[in-house]
Amino acid sequence: MARIMMATINKFGFSAVVLLTMASLTTCFVVPSRMAFSPIAKIQASSSSSSSSSSSLDMIFGKMFEEEGALGKGITVGKVQVALSALDRTSSTSIFKTLEQASREGGSSSSPQQLSKLANKVCLALLRKSDEWVGACSESQWFSANDDTKAESAFNDYANREAAKFEKEYIPGSDSEETPGGPTTVVVSLVIEIKGDDTKFDGAGYSITGTNEVLSSIAGDALVDDGYCVNAVEVFWTPSERDEVLTSRDVIVDFPELIDL
C-alpha cells in the first residue's frame, strides 16, 4: 500500500522530501481494564490533574511577562489533520492537483513568504473541499519566545511522528502518465510553527464549524507581517500515487487520532 508525504524546507534548513509509506503495517489495539475504584487509578488521576493545572498556571503567568507581537505572545507549534473523501481524482480542482502544485512551488524554498503561502494555499484548498470532509483533528503547544529551541523541538517531534509513517521518497512528476485510480480517502496533515498565541488550533474534528475555524485561522495568520510570523511549515498527504486507494481501515490504523465529522 503506497502513501506519500511532502515536506517543505523550513527555517532550520531541512531539505524538502516526499515520502511513500510502508507496504504493510501490523497494529495491535489494547483496551485497558476498568479501574474506577482502584486507589492507584485515583492517585494517577490526581497526579495528572495536578500536572495539568500546574502547566496551565505556568503558561498563564509566563505570558504576563511576554512581549506582544503581531499575533500575540510567544510561539505556538500546532498540527491540523483533515481526512477527505476524494471522489474525482482527475478534476483540475482535485485536492491532489493542489497539493502536487504546492509542493513544486514551495517545496524548494526556505523563505518565510514561501512557507506562509504554502500554509495558506493548503488550508484554503481544504476549506474549499469542506463538503468532502470525513474527519479531522488538531493539537498545539505554546512556548515562551525565550524557549524557541523547545518550540523547534516540538515542531520536529510533530513532523517526525508523521514522517515515521513513511519510508520511501516519491512525488508524481508534472508530466506523469499514471492513470488516476478510483475514489479514495485522502489524509492531509499540516504542521506549523508560528509566532504568537492568537492562531486557533482547538476544535478541528469536533464539528464542521470548529474545523473551518482552525483552517481559516491558520490560513489568515500565516500571511500576517508578510509571512514573517511563520517559522516553519511541513505538509504531508497520503496517498499520492495516482492509482493508489486509501481505505477506511488504513485511516484507522495510521491516523487513530482523527475524529469523524
C-alpha atoms as a PDB file:
ATOM      1  CA  MET A   1       0.000   0.000   0.000  1.00  0.00           C
ATOM      2  CA  ALA A   2       1.625   3.246  -1.130  1.00  0.00           C
ATOM      3  CA  ARG A   3       1.433   6.531   0.724  1.00  0.00           C
ATOM      4  CA  ILE A   4       3.098   9.891   0.390  1.00  0.00           C
ATOM      5  CA  MET A   5       4.494  12.658   2.459  1.00  0.00           C
ATOM      6  CA  MET A   6       5.566  16.030   1.149  1.00  0.00           C
ATOM      7  CA  ALA A   7       7.670  18.216   3.419  1.00  0.00           C
ATOM      8  CA  THR A   8       8.918  21.719   2.690  1.00  0.00           C
ATOM      9  CA  ILE A   9      12.238  23.215   3.609  1.00  0.00           C
ATOM     10  CA  ASN A  10      11.860  25.182   6.827  1.00  0.00           C
ATOM     11  CA  LYS A  11      13.952  27.759   8.663  1.00  0.00           C
ATOM     12  CA  PHE A  12      16.096  25.015  10.154  1.00  0.00           C
ATOM     13  CA  GLY A  13      17.438  24.018   6.734  1.00  0.00           C
ATOM     14  CA  PHE A  14      15.778  20.631   6.255  1.00  0.00           C
ATOM     15  CA  SER A  15      15.540  19.540   2.612  1.00  0.00           C
ATOM     16  CA  ALA A  16      12.134  19.038   1.020  1.00  0.00           C
ATOM     17  CA  VAL A  17      11.103  15.422   0.776  1.00  0.00           C
ATOM     18  CA  VAL A  18       8.123  13.449  -0.400  1.00  0.00           C
ATOM     19  CA  LEU A  19       7.830  10.019   1.111  1.00  0.00           C
ATOM     20  CA  LEU A  20       5.960   6.798   0.357  1.00  0.00           C
ATOM     21  CA  THR A  21       4.559   4.659   3.202  1.00  0.00           C
ATOM     22  CA  MET A  22       5.485   1.213   4.268  1.00  0.00           C
ATOM     23  CA  ALA A  23       3.929  -1.543   2.203  1.00  0.00           C
ATOM     24  CA  SER A  24       2.248  -3.143   5.174  1.00  0.00           C
ATOM     25  CA  LEU A  25       1.546  -2.439   8.816  1.00  0.00           C
ATOM     26  CA  THR A  26       0.609  -4.574  11.773  1.00  0.00           C
ATOM     27  CA  THR A  27      -1.393  -2.957  14.553  1.00  0.00           C
ATOM     28  CA  CYS A  28      -2.449  -4.221  17.949  1.00  0.00           C
ATOM     29  CA  PHE A  29      -5.124  -2.438  19.939  1.00  0.00           C
ATOM     30  CA  VAL A  30      -5.025  -2.920  23.722  1.00  0.00           C
ATOM     31  CA  VAL A  31      -8.036  -1.934  25.817  1.00  0.00           C
ATOM     32  CA  PRO A  32      -7.081  -1.271  29.442  1.00  0.00           C
ATOM     33  CA  SER A  33      -9.207  -2.826  32.183  1.00  0.00           C
ATOM     34  CA  ARG A  34     -11.520  -0.522  34.095  1.00  0.00           C
ATOM     35  CA  MET A  35     -10.137   0.754  37.383  1.00  0.00           C
ATOM     36  CA  ALA A  36     -12.936   3.038  38.532  1.00  0.00           C
ATOM     37  CA  PHE A  37     -12.420   2.187  42.223  1.00  0.00           C
ATOM     38  CA  SER A  38      -8.717   1.429  42.214  1.00  0.00           C
ATOM     39  CA  PRO A  39      -6.631   3.550  44.649  1.00  0.00           C
ATOM     40  CA  ILE A  40      -3.810   3.521  42.085  1.00  0.00           C
ATOM     41  CA  ALA A  41      -6.131   4.876  39.413  1.00  0.00           C
ATOM     42  CA  LYS A  42      -7.242   7.640  41.773  1.00  0.00           C
ATOM     43  CA  ILE A  43      -3.641   8.589  42.537  1.00  0.00           C
ATOM     44  CA  GLN A  44      -2.756   8.661  38.839  1.00  0.00           C
ATOM     45  CA  ALA A  45      -5.784  10.797  38.023  1.00  0.00           C
ATOM     46  CA  SER A  46      -4.947  13.187  40.842  1.00  0.00           C
ATOM     47  CA  SER A  47      -1.333  13.442  39.681  1.00  0.00           C
ATOM     48  CA  SER A  48      -2.383  14.030  36.076  1.00  0.00           C
ATOM     49  CA  SER A  49      -4.857  16.730  37.121  1.00  0.00           C
ATOM     50  CA  SER A  50      -2.245  18.423  39.301  1.00  0.00           C
ATOM     51  CA  SER A  51       0.302  18.347  36.489  1.00  0.00           C
ATOM     52  CA  SER A  52      -2.211  19.787  34.027  1.00  0.00           C
ATOM     53  CA  SER A  53      -3.169  22.583  36.434  1.00  0.00           C
ATOM     54  CA  SER A  54       0.484  23.382  37.070  1.00  0.00           C
ATOM     55  CA  SER A  55       1.202  23.590  33.329  1.00  0.00           C
ATOM     56  CA  SER A  56      -1.781  25.876  32.807  1.00  0.00           C
ATOM     57  CA  LEU A  57      -0.662  28.173  35.624  1.00  0.00           C
ATOM     58  CA  ASP A  58       2.893  28.248  34.273  1.00  0.00           C
ATOM     59  CA  MET A  59       1.575  29.273  30.859  1.00  0.00           C
ATOM     60  CA  ILE A  60      -0.743  31.944  32.278  1.00  0.00           C
ATOM     61  CA  PHE A  61       1.931  33.545  34.481  1.00  0.00           C
ATOM     62  CA  GLY A  62       4.576  33.100  31.809  1.00  0.00           C
ATOM     63  CA  LYS A  63       2.518  35.066  29.310  1.00  0.00           C
ATOM     64  CA  MET A  64       2.235  38.014  31.716  1.00  0.00           C
ATOM     65  CA  PHE A  65       5.852  38.952  31.018  1.00  0.00           C
ATOM     66  CA  GLU A  66       5.921  38.103  27.308  1.00  0.00           C
ATOM     67  CA  GLU A  67       6.373  40.789  24.696  1.00  0.00           C
ATOM     68  CA  GLU A  68       3.301  41.263  22.481  1.00  0.00           C
ATOM     69  CA  GLY A  69       3.796  40.640  18.768  1.00  0.00           C
ATOM     70  CA  ALA A  70       1.618  40.876  15.687  1.00  0.00           C
ATOM     71  CA  LEU A  71      -0.145  37.613  16.591  1.00  0.00           C
ATOM     72  CA  GLY A  72       0.116  37.768  20.354  1.00  0.00           C
ATOM     73  CA  LYS A  73       2.738  36.403  22.717  1.00  0.00           C
ATOM     74  CA  GLY A  74       5.324  33.640  22.480  1.00  0.00           C
ATOM     75  CA  ILE A  75       5.398  30.859  19.890  1.00  0.00           C
ATOM     76  CA  THR A  76       2.773  28.247  19.018  1.00  0.00           C
ATOM     77  CA  VAL A  77       3.517  24.884  17.418  1.00  0.00           C
ATOM     78  CA  GLY A  78       0.498  23.058  16.083  1.00  0.00           C
ATOM     79  CA  LYS A  79      -0.795  20.341  13.806  1.00  0.00           C
ATOM     80  CA  VAL A  80      -4.079  20.015  11.953  1.00  0.00           C
ATOM     81  CA  GLN A  81      -5.164  16.931  10.006  1.00  0.00           C
ATOM     82  CA  VAL A  82      -8.135  16.571   7.690  1.00  0.00           C
ATOM     83  CA  ALA A  83      -9.438  13.409   6.010  1.00  0.00           C
ATOM     84  CA  LEU A  84     -11.429  13.872   2.808  1.00  0.00           C
ATOM     85  CA  SER A  85     -13.402  11.615   0.515  1.00  0.00           C
ATOM     86  CA  ALA A  86     -11.964  12.321  -2.948  1.00  0.00           C
ATOM     87  CA  LEU A  87     -14.459  11.035  -5.483  1.00  0.00           C
ATOM     88  CA  ASP A  88     -12.969  12.607  -8.629  1.00  0.00           C
ATOM     89  CA  ARG A  89      -9.183  12.446  -8.814  1.00  0.00           C
ATOM     90  CA  THR A  90      -8.990  13.637 -12.419  1.00  0.00           C
ATOM     91  CA  SER A  91     -10.585  17.038 -11.851  1.00  0.00           C
ATOM     92  CA  SER A  92      -8.406  20.140 -12.194  1.00  0.00           C
ATOM     93  CA  THR A  93      -9.719  21.212  -8.773  1.00  0.00           C
ATOM     94  CA  SER A  94      -8.853  17.890  -7.117  1.00  0.00           C
ATOM     95  CA  ILE A  95      -7.073  18.191  -3.771  1.00  0.00           C
ATOM     96  CA  PHE A  96      -4.297  16.048  -5.261  1.00  0.00           C
ATOM     97  CA  LYS A  97      -3.642  18.591  -8.002  1.00  0.00           C
ATOM     98  CA  THR A  98      -3.438  21.401  -5.462  1.00  0.00           C
ATOM     99  CA  LEU A  99      -1.032  19.528  -3.174  1.00  0.00           C
ATOM    100  CA  GLU A 100       1.244  18.472  -6.018  1.00  0.00           C
ATOM    101  CA  GLN A 101       1.379  22.022  -7.347  1.00  0.00           C
ATOM    102  CA  ALA A 102       2.051  23.453  -3.878  1.00  0.00           C
ATOM    103  CA  SER A 103       4.931  21.020  -3.386  1.00  0.00           C
ATOM    104  CA  ARG A 104       6.562  22.144  -6.616  1.00  0.00           C
ATOM    105  CA  GLU A 105       6.105  25.852  -5.917  1.00  0.00           C
ATOM    106  CA  GLY A 106       7.054  25.912  -2.233  1.00  0.00           C
ATOM    107  CA  GLY A 107       8.938  22.690  -1.658  1.00  0.00           C
ATOM    108  CA  SER A 108      12.358  24.086  -2.576  1.00  0.00           C
ATOM    109  CA  SER A 109      12.187  27.397  -0.746  1.00  0.00           C
ATOM    110  CA  SER A 110      13.056  28.302   2.846  1.00  0.00           C
ATOM    111  CA  SER A 111      11.841  31.910   2.746  1.00  0.00           C
ATOM    112  CA  PRO A 112       9.129  32.928   5.231  1.00  0.00           C
ATOM    113  CA  GLN A 113       6.995  34.252   2.359  1.00  0.00           C
ATOM    114  CA  GLN A 114       7.008  30.899   0.544  1.00  0.00           C
ATOM    115  CA  LEU A 115       6.376  28.926   3.727  1.00  0.00           C
ATOM    116  CA  SER A 116       3.466  31.190   4.661  1.00  0.00           C
ATOM    117  CA  LYS A 117       1.992  30.921   1.173  1.00  0.00           C
ATOM    118  CA  LEU A 118       2.256  27.142   1.342  1.00  0.00           C
ATOM    119  CA  ALA A 119       0.326  27.034   4.641  1.00  0.00           C
ATOM    120  CA  ASN A 120      -2.247  29.470   3.252  1.00  0.00           C
ATOM    121  CA  LYS A 121      -2.747  27.529   0.000  1.00  0.00           C
ATOM    122  CA  VAL A 122      -3.129  24.161   1.693  1.00  0.00           C
ATOM    123  CA  CYS A 123      -5.635  25.497   4.250  1.00  0.00           C
ATOM    124  CA  LEU A 124      -7.664  27.283   1.557  1.00  0.00           C
ATOM    125  CA  ALA A 125      -7.686  24.125  -0.588  1.00  0.00           C
ATOM    126  CA  LEU A 126      -9.048  22.153   2.365  1.00  0.00           C
ATOM    127  CA  LEU A 127     -11.655  24.824   3.141  1.00  0.00           C
ATOM    128  CA  ARG A 128     -12.905  24.687  -0.451  1.00  0.00           C
ATOM    129  CA  LYS A 129     -13.404  20.929  -0.043  1.00  0.00           C
ATOM    130  CA  SER A 130     -15.415  21.113   3.199  1.00  0.00           C
ATOM    131  CA  ASP A 131     -18.227  19.102   1.615  1.00  0.00           C
ATOM    132  CA  GLU A 132     -15.758  16.200   1.264  1.00  0.00           C
ATOM    133  CA  TRP A 133     -14.503  16.185   4.871  1.00  0.00           C
ATOM    134  CA  VAL A 134     -14.946  12.909   6.737  1.00  0.00           C
ATOM    135  CA  GLY A 135     -12.656  13.504   9.717  1.00  0.00           C
ATOM    136  CA  ALA A 136     -10.249  15.949  11.347  1.00  0.00           C
ATOM    137  CA  CYS A 137      -8.194  16.691  14.449  1.00  0.00           C
ATOM    138  CA  SER A 138      -5.798  19.314  15.757  1.00  0.00           C
ATOM    139  CA  GLU A 139      -3.419  19.948  18.640  1.00  0.00           C
ATOM    140  CA  SER A 140      -0.895  22.581  19.689  1.00  0.00           C
ATOM    141  CA  GLN A 141       1.665  23.650  22.276  1.00  0.00           C
ATOM    142  CA  TRP A 142       2.611  27.160  23.418  1.00  0.00           C
ATOM    143  CA  PHE A 143       6.152  28.295  24.257  1.00  0.00           C
ATOM    144  CA  SER A 144       7.735  31.463  25.541  1.00  0.00           C
ATOM    145  CA  ALA A 145       9.704  33.394  22.935  1.00  0.00           C
ATOM    146  CA  ASN A 146      12.766  32.651  25.086  1.00  0.00           C
ATOM    147  CA  ASP A 147      12.132  28.930  24.630  1.00  0.00           C
ATOM    148  CA  ASP A 148      12.482  28.942  20.859  1.00  0.00           C
ATOM    149  CA  THR A 149      14.658  25.807  20.963  1.00  0.00           C
ATOM    150  CA  LYS A 150      11.866  23.957  22.786  1.00  0.00           C
ATOM    151  CA  ALA A 151       9.419  25.159  20.122  1.00  0.00           C
ATOM    152  CA  GLU A 152      11.784  23.888  17.431  1.00  0.00           C
ATOM    153  CA  SER A 153      11.979  20.533  19.211  1.00  0.00           C
ATOM    154  CA  ALA A 154       8.185  20.297  19.420  1.00  0.00           C
ATOM    155  CA  PHE A 155       7.865  21.117  15.718  1.00  0.00           C
ATOM    156  CA  ASN A 156      10.375  18.399  14.865  1.00  0.00           C
ATOM    157  CA  ASP A 157       8.517  15.947  17.094  1.00  0.00           C
ATOM    158  CA  TYR A 158       5.182  16.587  15.343  1.00  0.00           C
ATOM    159  CA  ALA A 159       6.831  16.291  11.934  1.00  0.00           C
ATOM    160  CA  ASN A 160       8.811  13.189  12.818  1.00  0.00           C
ATOM    161  CA  ARG A 161       5.725  11.404  14.115  1.00  0.00           C
ATOM    162  CA  GLU A 162       4.136  11.877  10.710  1.00  0.00           C
ATOM    163  CA  ALA A 163       7.336  11.081   8.813  1.00  0.00           C
ATOM    164  CA  ALA A 164       7.699   7.810  10.731  1.00  0.00           C
ATOM    165  CA  LYS A 165       4.665   6.512   8.836  1.00  0.00           C
ATOM    166  CA  PHE A 166       6.561   6.701   5.540  1.00  0.00           C
ATOM    167  CA  GLU A 167       9.727   5.137   4.194  1.00  0.00           C
ATOM    168  CA  LYS A 168      10.297   5.984   0.531  1.00  0.00           C
ATOM    169  CA  GLU A 169      10.723   9.320  -1.257  1.00  0.00           C
ATOM    170  CA  TYR A 170       8.250   9.853  -4.057  1.00  0.00           C
ATOM    171  CA  ILE A 171       6.292  12.557  -5.851  1.00  0.00           C
ATOM    172  CA  PRO A 172       4.409  12.343  -9.155  1.00  0.00           C
ATOM    173  CA  GLY A 173       6.004  14.437 -11.884  1.00  0.00           C
ATOM    174  CA  SER A 174       4.009  17.143 -13.613  1.00  0.00           C
ATOM    175  CA  ASP A 175       4.207  15.080 -16.804  1.00  0.00           C
ATOM    176  CA  SER A 176       3.393  11.781 -15.124  1.00  0.00           C
ATOM    177  CA  GLU A 177       1.316   9.416 -17.243  1.00  0.00           C
ATOM    178  CA  GLU A 178      -0.040   7.440 -14.289  1.00  0.00           C
ATOM    179  CA  THR A 179      -3.705   6.602 -14.706  1.00  0.00           C
ATOM    180  CA  PRO A 180      -5.751   8.080 -11.823  1.00  0.00           C
ATOM    181  CA  GLY A 181      -7.375   5.487  -9.603  1.00  0.00           C
ATOM    182  CA  GLY A 182     -10.899   5.420  -8.267  1.00  0.00           C
ATOM    183  CA  PRO A 183     -12.440   7.252  -5.304  1.00  0.00           C
ATOM    184  CA  THR A 184     -10.293   7.271  -2.169  1.00  0.00           C
ATOM    185  CA  THR A 185      -9.912   8.770   1.255  1.00  0.00           C
ATOM    186  CA  VAL A 186      -7.025  11.236   1.472  1.00  0.00           C
ATOM    187  CA  VAL A 187      -5.449  12.495   4.697  1.00  0.00           C
ATOM    188  CA  VAL A 188      -3.699  15.875   4.690  1.00  0.00           C
ATOM    189  CA  SER A 189      -1.548  16.915   7.665  1.00  0.00           C
ATOM    190  CA  LEU A 190      -0.103  20.386   8.210  1.00  0.00           C
ATOM    191  CA  VAL A 191       2.480  21.104  10.923  1.00  0.00           C
ATOM    192  CA  ILE A 192       3.344  24.739  11.595  1.00  0.00           C
ATOM    193  CA  GLU A 193       5.438  26.829  13.987  1.00  0.00           C
ATOM    194  CA  ILE A 194       4.052  30.352  14.171  1.00  0.00           C
ATOM    195  CA  LYS A 195       4.799  33.345  16.371  1.00  0.00           C
ATOM    196  CA  GLY A 196       2.195  34.442  18.910  1.00  0.00           C
ATOM    197  CA  ASP A 197      -0.753  32.757  20.607  1.00  0.00           C
ATOM    198  CA  ASP A 198      -3.660  34.140  18.582  1.00  0.00           C
ATOM    199  CA  THR A 199      -3.833  31.353  15.987  1.00  0.00           C
ATOM    200  CA  LYS A 200      -6.683  28.953  16.758  1.00  0.00           C
ATOM    201  CA  PHE A 201      -5.899  25.241  16.903  1.00  0.00           C
ATOM    202  CA  ASP A 202      -8.639  23.926  19.205  1.00  0.00           C
ATOM    203  CA  GLY A 203     -11.780  22.375  17.737  1.00  0.00           C
ATOM    204  CA  ALA A 204     -10.884  20.599  14.494  1.00  0.00           C
ATOM    205  CA  GLY A 205     -12.822  17.339  14.257  1.00  0.00           C
ATOM    206  CA  TYR A 206     -15.484  18.186  16.829  1.00  0.00           C
ATOM    207  CA  SER A 207     -17.664  19.904  14.244  1.00  0.00           C
ATOM    208  CA  ILE A 208     -17.604  21.257  10.707  1.00  0.00           C
ATOM    209  CA  THR A 209     -17.632  24.774  12.158  1.00  0.00           C
ATOM    210  CA  GLY A 210     -14.735  24.067  14.514  1.00  0.00           C
ATOM    211  CA  THR A 211     -12.640  22.563  11.709  1.00  0.00           C
ATOM    212  CA  ASN A 212     -13.448  25.530   9.489  1.00  0.00           C
ATOM    213  CA  GLU A 213     -12.347  27.974  12.201  1.00  0.00           C
ATOM    214  CA  VAL A 214      -8.991  26.249  12.716  1.00  0.00           C
ATOM    215  CA  LEU A 215      -8.150  26.147   8.995  1.00  0.00           C
ATOM    216  CA  SER A 216      -9.340  29.737   8.482  1.00  0.00           C
ATOM    217  CA  SER A 217      -7.251  30.975  11.418  1.00  0.00           C
ATOM    218  CA  ILE A 218      -4.075  29.321  10.119  1.00  0.00           C
ATOM    219  CA  ALA A 219      -4.719  30.482   6.542  1.00  0.00           C
ATOM    220  CA  GLY A 220      -5.151  34.099   7.644  1.00  0.00           C
ATOM    221  CA  ASP A 221      -2.456  34.296  10.313  1.00  0.00           C
ATOM    222  CA  ALA A 222       0.145  32.716   8.030  1.00  0.00           C
ATOM    223  CA  LEU A 223       0.115  35.851   5.866  1.00  0.00           C
ATOM    224  CA  VAL A 224       0.428  38.356   8.738  1.00  0.00           C
ATOM    225  CA  ASP A 225       3.547  40.549   8.626  1.00  0.00           C
ATOM    226  CA  ASP A 226       4.242  39.420   5.064  1.00  0.00           C
ATOM    227  CA  GLY A 227       4.666  35.839   6.283  1.00  0.00           C
ATOM    228  CA  TYR A 228       7.430  36.594   8.787  1.00  0.00           C
ATOM    229  CA  CYS A 229       5.321  35.253  11.667  1.00  0.00           C
ATOM    230  CA  VAL A 230       5.761  31.734  10.253  1.00  0.00           C
ATOM    231  CA  ASN A 231       8.923  29.960  11.411  1.00  0.00           C
ATOM    232  CA  ALA A 232       8.408  26.553   9.815  1.00  0.00           C
ATOM    233  CA  VAL A 233       5.836  24.522   7.874  1.00  0.00           C
ATOM    234  CA  GLU A 234       5.599  20.920   6.750  1.00  0.00           C
ATOM    235  CA  VAL A 235       2.767  19.336   4.796  1.00  0.00           C
ATOM    236  CA  PHE A 236       2.092  15.613   4.462  1.00  0.00           C
ATOM    237  CA  TRP A 237      -0.542  13.771   2.451  1.00  0.00           C
ATOM    238  CA  THR A 238      -1.484  10.229   1.577  1.00  0.00           C
ATOM    239  CA  PRO A 239      -1.992   8.614  -0.888  1.00  0.00           C
ATOM    240  CA  SER A 240      -0.027  10.325  -3.652  1.00  0.00           C
ATOM    241  CA  GLU A 241       0.427   7.675  -6.302  1.00  0.00           C
ATOM    242  CA  ARG A 242      -2.455   8.432  -8.591  1.00  0.00           C
ATOM    243  CA  ASP A 243      -3.679   4.849  -8.791  1.00  0.00           C
ATOM    244  CA  GLU A 244      -3.492   4.158  -5.054  1.00  0.00           C
ATOM    245  CA  VAL A 245      -6.531   3.961  -2.787  1.00  0.00           C
ATOM    246  CA  LEU A 246      -6.559   4.629   0.966  1.00  0.00           C
ATOM    247  CA  THR A 247      -9.237   2.574   2.701  1.00  0.00           C
ATOM    248  CA  SER A 248     -11.141   3.334   5.896  1.00  0.00           C
ATOM    249  CA  ARG A 249      -9.147   0.615   7.649  1.00  0.00           C
ATOM    250  CA  ASP A 250      -5.889   2.256   6.546  1.00  0.00           C
ATOM    251  CA  VAL A 251      -7.031   5.537   8.087  1.00  0.00           C
ATOM    252  CA  ILE A 252      -7.951   3.873  11.402  1.00  0.00           C
ATOM    253  CA  VAL A 253      -4.580   2.115  11.595  1.00  0.00           C
ATOM    254  CA  ASP A 254      -2.353   5.058  10.620  1.00  0.00           C
ATOM    255  CA  PHE A 255      -4.401   8.014  11.900  1.00  0.00           C
ATOM    256  CA  PRO A 256      -6.322   6.880  15.011  1.00  0.00           C
ATOM    257  CA  GLU A 257      -6.400  10.458  16.303  1.00  0.00           C
ATOM    258  CA  LEU A 258      -8.807  11.572  13.556  1.00  0.00           C
ATOM    259  CA  ILE A 259     -12.341  12.347  14.747  1.00  0.00           C
ATOM    260  CA  ASP A 260     -15.240  11.523  12.414  1.00  0.00           C
ATOM    261  CA  LEU A 261     -17.160  14.505  11.058  1.00  0.00           C
END
